[in-house]
């Protein structure tokens, strides 16, 4: 039983970690795209307020 769980986790972890990394990259990329216009000061203030 434990071996099956370990094998399942071993197969699942790389997939989940890659998905999390992809989400983080997308979030950072979108945030940079949003904060790149001249209004980046306003977006920074709103981000600090929330």
PDB file of N, CA and C in Angstrom:
ATOM      1  N   UNK A   1       0.837  -1.206   0.000  1.00  0.00           N
ATOM      2  CA  UNK A   1       0.000   0.000   0.000  1.00  0.00           C
ATOM      3  C   UNK A   1       0.873   1.258   0.000  1.00  0.00           C
ATOM      4  N   UNK A   2       1.855   1.298   0.885  1.00  0.00           N
ATOM      5  CA  UNK A   2       2.719   2.480   0.963  1.00  0.00           C
ATOM      6  C   UNK A   2       3.496   2.661  -0.338  1.00  0.00           C
ATOM      7  N   UNK A   3       3.932   1.549  -0.928  1.00  0.00           N
ATOM      8  CA  UNK A   3       4.692   1.652  -2.173  1.00  0.00           C
ATOM      9  C   UNK A   3       3.830   2.257  -3.275  1.00  0.00           C
ATOM     10  N   UNK A   4       2.572   1.844  -3.335  1.00  0.00           N
ATOM     11  CA  UNK A   4       1.693   2.383  -4.373  1.00  0.00           C
ATOM     12  C   UNK A   4       1.514   3.892  -4.184  1.00  0.00           C
ATOM     13  N   UNK A   5       1.333   4.321  -2.948  1.00  0.00           N
ATOM     14  CA  UNK A   5       1.159   5.753  -2.671  1.00  0.00           C
ATOM     15  C   UNK A   5       2.428   6.514  -3.044  1.00  0.00           C
ATOM     16  N   UNK A   6       3.585   5.955  -2.710  1.00  0.00           N
ATOM     17  CA  UNK A   6       4.850   6.620  -3.017  1.00  0.00           C
ATOM     18  C   UNK A   6       5.030   6.747  -4.531  1.00  0.00           C
ATOM     19  N   UNK A   7       4.705   5.679  -5.258  1.00  0.00           N
ATOM     20  CA  UNK A   7       4.832   5.729  -6.717  1.00  0.00           C
ATOM     21  C   UNK A   7       3.864   6.758  -7.301  1.00  0.00           C
ATOM     22  N   UNK A   8       2.650   6.799  -6.738  1.00  0.00           N
ATOM     23  CA  UNK A   8       1.653   7.750  -7.236  1.00  0.00           C
ATOM     24  C   UNK A   8       2.120   9.182  -6.993  1.00  0.00           C
ATOM     25  N   UNK A   9       2.636   9.443  -5.782  1.00  0.00           N
ATOM     26  CA  UNK A   9       3.129  10.789  -5.467  1.00  0.00           C
ATOM     27  C   UNK A   9       4.325  11.132  -6.350  1.00  0.00           C
ATOM     28  N   UNK A  10       5.192  10.145  -6.555  1.00  0.00           N
ATOM     29  CA  UNK A  10       6.383  10.394  -7.375  1.00  0.00           C
ATOM     30  C   UNK A  10       5.975  10.780  -8.792  1.00  0.00           C
ATOM     31  N   UNK A  11       4.861  10.208  -9.267  1.00  0.00           N
ATOM     32  CA  UNK A  11       4.389  10.530 -10.613  1.00  0.00           C
ATOM     33  C   UNK A  11       3.621  11.846 -10.623  1.00  0.00           C
ATOM     34  N   UNK A  12       2.964  12.165  -9.500  1.00  0.00           N
ATOM     35  CA  UNK A  12       2.088  13.334  -9.466  1.00  0.00           C
ATOM     36  C   UNK A  12       2.858  14.623  -9.189  1.00  0.00           C
ATOM     37  N   UNK A  13       3.868  14.558  -8.337  1.00  0.00           N
ATOM     38  CA  UNK A  13       4.579  15.769  -7.911  1.00  0.00           C
ATOM     39  C   UNK A  13       5.187  16.546  -9.086  1.00  0.00           C
ATOM     40  N   UNK A  14       5.916  15.911 -10.011  1.00  0.00           N
ATOM     41  CA  UNK A  14       6.501  16.689 -11.117  1.00  0.00           C
ATOM     42  C   UNK A  14       5.438  17.422 -11.930  1.00  0.00           C
ATOM     43  N   UNK A  15       4.276  16.790 -12.114  1.00  0.00           N
ATOM     44  CA  UNK A  15       3.210  17.424 -12.898  1.00  0.00           C
ATOM     45  C   UNK A  15       2.675  18.641 -12.157  1.00  0.00           C
ATOM     46  N   UNK A  16       2.384  18.470 -10.876  1.00  0.00           N
ATOM     47  CA  UNK A  16       1.819  19.581 -10.102  1.00  0.00           C
ATOM     48  C   UNK A  16       2.836  20.713  -9.975  1.00  0.00           C
ATOM     49  N   UNK A  17       4.094  20.380  -9.763  1.00  0.00           N
ATOM     50  CA  UNK A  17       5.113  21.427  -9.605  1.00  0.00           C
ATOM     51  C   UNK A  17       5.284  22.191 -10.914  1.00  0.00           C
ATOM     52  N   UNK A  18       5.228  21.483 -12.036  1.00  0.00           N
ATOM     53  CA  UNK A  18       5.366  22.169 -13.322  1.00  0.00           C
ATOM     54  C   UNK A  18       4.162  23.068 -13.576  1.00  0.00           C
ATOM     55  N   UNK A  19       2.971  22.608 -13.158  1.00  0.00           N
ATOM     56  CA  UNK A  19       1.776  23.439 -13.324  1.00  0.00           C
ATOM     57  C   UNK A  19       1.877  24.685 -12.461  1.00  0.00           C
ATOM     58  N   UNK A  20       2.365  24.522 -11.224  1.00  0.00           N
ATOM     59  CA  UNK A  20       2.510  25.671 -10.327  1.00  0.00           C
ATOM     60  C   UNK A  20       3.528  26.651 -10.907  1.00  0.00           C
ATOM     61  N   UNK A  21       4.629  26.118 -11.438  1.00  0.00           N
ATOM     62  CA  UNK A  21       5.642  26.994 -12.033  1.00  0.00           C
ATOM     63  C   UNK A  21       5.059  27.749 -13.223  1.00  0.00           C
ATOM     64  N   UNK A  22       4.264  27.052 -14.037  1.00  0.00           N
ATOM     65  CA  UNK A  22       3.653  27.704 -15.196  1.00  0.00           C
ATOM     66  C   UNK A  22       2.714  28.816 -14.746  1.00  0.00           C
ATOM     67  N   UNK A  23       1.944  28.561 -13.677  1.00  0.00           N
ATOM     68  CA  UNK A  23       1.033  29.589 -13.166  1.00  0.00           C
ATOM     69  C   UNK A  23       1.809  30.788 -12.650  1.00  0.00           C
ATOM     70  N   UNK A  24       2.912  30.527 -11.926  1.00  0.00           N
ATOM     71  CA  UNK A  24       3.715  31.631 -11.392  1.00  0.00           C
ATOM     72  C   UNK A  24       4.297  32.464 -12.528  1.00  0.00           C
ATOM     73  N   UNK A  25       4.812  31.796 -13.552  1.00  0.00           N
ATOM     74  CA  UNK A  25       5.394  32.524 -14.685  1.00  0.00           C
ATOM     75  C   UNK A  25       4.330  33.370 -15.368  1.00  0.00           C
ATOM     76  N   UNK A  26       3.128  32.794 -15.539  1.00  0.00           N
ATOM     77  CA  UNK A  26       2.048  33.548 -16.173  1.00  0.00           C
ATOM     78  C   UNK A  26       1.661  34.752 -15.330  1.00  0.00           C
ATOM     79  N   UNK A  27       1.574  34.564 -14.006  1.00  0.00           N
ATOM     80  CA  UNK A  27       1.196  35.667 -13.127  1.00  0.00           C
ATOM     81  C   UNK A  27       2.230  36.784 -13.191  1.00  0.00           C
ATOM     82  N   UNK A  28       3.519  36.422 -13.128  1.00  0.00           N
ATOM     83  CA  UNK A  28       4.579  37.439 -13.184  1.00  0.00           C
ATOM     84  C   UNK A  28       4.557  38.149 -14.534  1.00  0.00           C
ATOM     85  N   UNK A  29       4.355  37.358 -15.601  1.00  0.00           N
ATOM     86  CA  UNK A  29       4.351  37.941 -16.947  1.00  0.00           C
ATOM     87  C   UNK A  29       3.181  38.904 -17.108  1.00  0.00           C
ATOM     88  N   UNK A  30       1.997  38.501 -16.624  1.00  0.00           N
ATOM     89  CA  UNK A  30       0.823  39.369 -16.712  1.00  0.00           C
ATOM     90  C   UNK A  30       1.009  40.606 -15.849  1.00  0.00           C
ATOM     91  N   UNK A  31       1.579  40.437 -14.660  1.00  0.00           N
ATOM     92  CA  UNK A  31       1.782  41.584 -13.768  1.00  0.00           C
ATOM     93  C   UNK A  31       2.736  42.588 -14.411  1.00  0.00           C
ATOM     94  N   UNK A  32       3.780  42.086 -15.043  1.00  0.00           N
ATOM     95  CA  UNK A  32       4.722  42.988 -15.717  1.00  0.00           C
ATOM     96  C   UNK A  32       4.035  43.688 -16.877  1.00  0.00           C
ATOM     97  N   UNK A  33       3.197  42.959 -17.603  1.00  0.00           N
ATOM     98  CA  UNK A  33       2.481  43.558 -18.731  1.00  0.00           C
ATOM     99  C   UNK A  33       1.524  44.639 -18.265  1.00  0.00           C
ATOM    100  N   UNK A  34       0.918  44.440 -17.086  1.00  0.00           N
ATOM    101  CA  UNK A  34      -0.032  45.426 -16.564  1.00  0.00           C
ATOM    102  C   UNK A  34       0.716  46.621 -15.979  1.00  0.00           C
ATOM    103  N   UNK A  35       1.842  46.373 -15.322  1.00  0.00           N
ATOM    104  CA  UNK A  35       2.555  47.453 -14.628  1.00  0.00           C
ATOM    105  C   UNK A  35       3.531  48.183 -15.555  1.00  0.00           C
ATOM    106  N   UNK A  36       3.659  47.750 -16.803  1.00  0.00           N
ATOM    107  CA  UNK A  36       4.596  48.412 -17.703  1.00  0.00           C
ATOM    108  C   UNK A  36       4.110  49.772 -18.197  1.00  0.00           C
ATOM    109  N   UNK A  37       2.783  50.016 -18.332  1.00  0.00           N
ATOM    110  CA  UNK A  37       2.343  51.355 -18.754  1.00  0.00           C
ATOM    111  C   UNK A  37       2.748  52.435 -17.760  1.00  0.00           C
ATOM    112  N   UNK A  38       2.623  53.730 -18.118  1.00  0.00           N
ATOM    113  CA  UNK A  38       3.060  54.827 -17.243  1.00  0.00           C
ATOM    114  C   UNK A  38       2.326  54.858 -15.907  1.00  0.00           C
ATOM    115  N   UNK A  39       1.193  54.163 -15.790  1.00  0.00           N
ATOM    116  CA  UNK A  39       0.423  54.203 -14.548  1.00  0.00           C
ATOM    117  C   UNK A  39       0.945  53.209 -13.516  1.00  0.00           C
ATOM    118  N   UNK A  40       2.165  52.740 -13.657  1.00  0.00           N
ATOM    119  CA  UNK A  40       2.660  51.700 -12.748  1.00  0.00           C
ATOM    120  C   UNK A  40       2.627  52.173 -11.304  1.00  0.00           C
ATOM    121  N   UNK A  41       2.737  53.475 -11.068  1.00  0.00           N
ATOM    122  CA  UNK A  41       2.673  53.991  -9.694  1.00  0.00           C
ATOM    123  C   UNK A  41       1.305  53.733  -9.081  1.00  0.00           C
ATOM    124  N   UNK A  42       0.240  53.935  -9.882  1.00  0.00           N
ATOM    125  CA  UNK A  42      -1.116  53.715  -9.370  1.00  0.00           C
ATOM    126  C   UNK A  42      -1.321  52.240  -9.072  1.00  0.00           C
ATOM    127  N   UNK A  43      -0.864  51.364  -9.965  1.00  0.00           N
ATOM    128  CA  UNK A  43      -1.058  49.933  -9.746  1.00  0.00           C
ATOM    129  C   UNK A  43      -0.285  49.480  -8.506  1.00  0.00           C
ATOM    130  N   UNK A  44       0.897  50.083  -8.282  1.00  0.00           N
ATOM    131  CA  UNK A  44       1.662  49.714  -7.084  1.00  0.00           C
ATOM    132  C   UNK A  44       0.920  50.152  -5.823  1.00  0.00           C
ATOM    133  N   UNK A  45       0.322  51.341  -5.854  1.00  0.00           N
ATOM    134  CA  UNK A  45      -0.414  51.817  -4.684  1.00  0.00           C
ATOM    135  C   UNK A  45      -1.612  50.921  -4.398  1.00  0.00           C
ATOM    136  N   UNK A  46      -2.348  50.533  -5.428  1.00  0.00           N
ATOM    137  CA  UNK A  46      -3.521  49.687  -5.219  1.00  0.00           C
ATOM    138  C   UNK A  46      -3.087  48.313  -4.722  1.00  0.00           C
ATOM    139  N   UNK A  47      -1.959  47.824  -5.220  1.00  0.00           N
ATOM    140  CA  UNK A  47      -1.476  46.518  -4.776  1.00  0.00           C
ATOM    141  C   UNK A  47      -1.104  46.573  -3.298  1.00  0.00           C
ATOM    142  N   UNK A  48      -0.538  47.722  -2.863  1.00  0.00           N
ATOM    143  CA  UNK A  48      -0.178  47.851  -1.450  1.00  0.00           C
ATOM    144  C   UNK A  48      -1.426  47.974  -0.584  1.00  0.00           C
ATOM    145  N   UNK A  49      -2.466  48.627  -1.113  1.00  0.00           N
ATOM    146  CA  UNK A  49      -3.685  48.828  -0.319  1.00  0.00           C
ATOM    147  C   UNK A  49      -4.411  47.511  -0.078  1.00  0.00           C
ATOM    148  N   UNK A  50      -4.461  46.649  -1.069  1.00  0.00           N
ATOM    149  CA  UNK A  50      -5.232  45.408  -0.930  1.00  0.00           C
ATOM    150  C   UNK A  50      -4.524  44.491   0.044  1.00  0.00           C
TER     151      UNK A  50
END
